[in-house]
Amino acid sequence: MNSKERLMATLRGEPVDRLAVNLYEIGGLVMDPQDPDRFNVYNDPSWKPLLDLAGNHTDLIRLRSPVRKESHLAWDDTADGKIARDEFFEIDAFEEDDCRITRITLTVGGRTMTSITRREPNVDTIWTTEHLLKSKEDLLAYLQLPDEVFAETIDIVPLLEEEKRLGDRGIVMVDTEDPICAAATLFGMEDYTVLALTEQELFHRLLEKLSRQIWCRTEKVAAELPGRLWRIYGPEFATEPYLPPKHWCKRLVSFP
């Protein structure tokens, strides 16, 4: 069996010639050792043996988003909602203390809110040092954003092209967040857990707002790319020790 056959048989619970071996994000995420950017950790020679191992000897599962170049990005600047977003959001990117800093300023509902992220050159992690929403009042203002702000360009062509490049070496996995992830990451963890627990109806309004575009995306991609593997990340925000799962079971039944 080739890797593609082995992975699909594994997912269907069918017999395989050997266990499928996949290193998840190593070989899954976009990692370009040829990119000379000093913030690209993967061009360091120490990564080469591991990247070669994953690329040449594992059953590859590429994690790809139909709306963003990389799944951790909040949105793609070329997306449909950019014009609407520009009315409310100001993004300032700069370097400071050898780090890449991104400051987002949101003005809506008579309030000004900011978020700050930091990226260090030797770690492939984006640290959020200030979250956008910090209070019930911030959330009420955020809910005033028009839905057009969240509009996105859905493009399955890059996923099809990745499948073609992979051939029989593996499969593409559609990569997407769920509404809980989109909502929770607007807050610091302490503010998220307290607000979600004590302001349940209000937080549910946020989930409903963010779910509309995610639902449209999921419905369109599922129709155009049937039979693919999906990674839906975010349910961990609705599990113990953060919040009781039963808290969410009652809340999610009314989603589309």
Foldseek 3Di string as FASTA:
>chain_A
DFLAVQVLCVVVVHDDPDHAFAPVCLLAEDQDLPDPPLLRQNVPPVNVVSSCCRVPPHQHEHECEQFDNGAVDPGDCVWQLNVLQVVFKDWDWDDDPQWIKIKIWGDFPNDIFIWMWIGHSNDPDIHTPGAGDEDPVSLVRVLPRDLSNVGTDGHCVVQVVVCVVCPRSHHYAHEEEALQQSLCRNYDLVRSLVCCVPVVVSSLSSSQSSRPNVVVNVVVCCVVPPPHHYDYDRCVCCPPPRHHVVSCVVSPPPHD
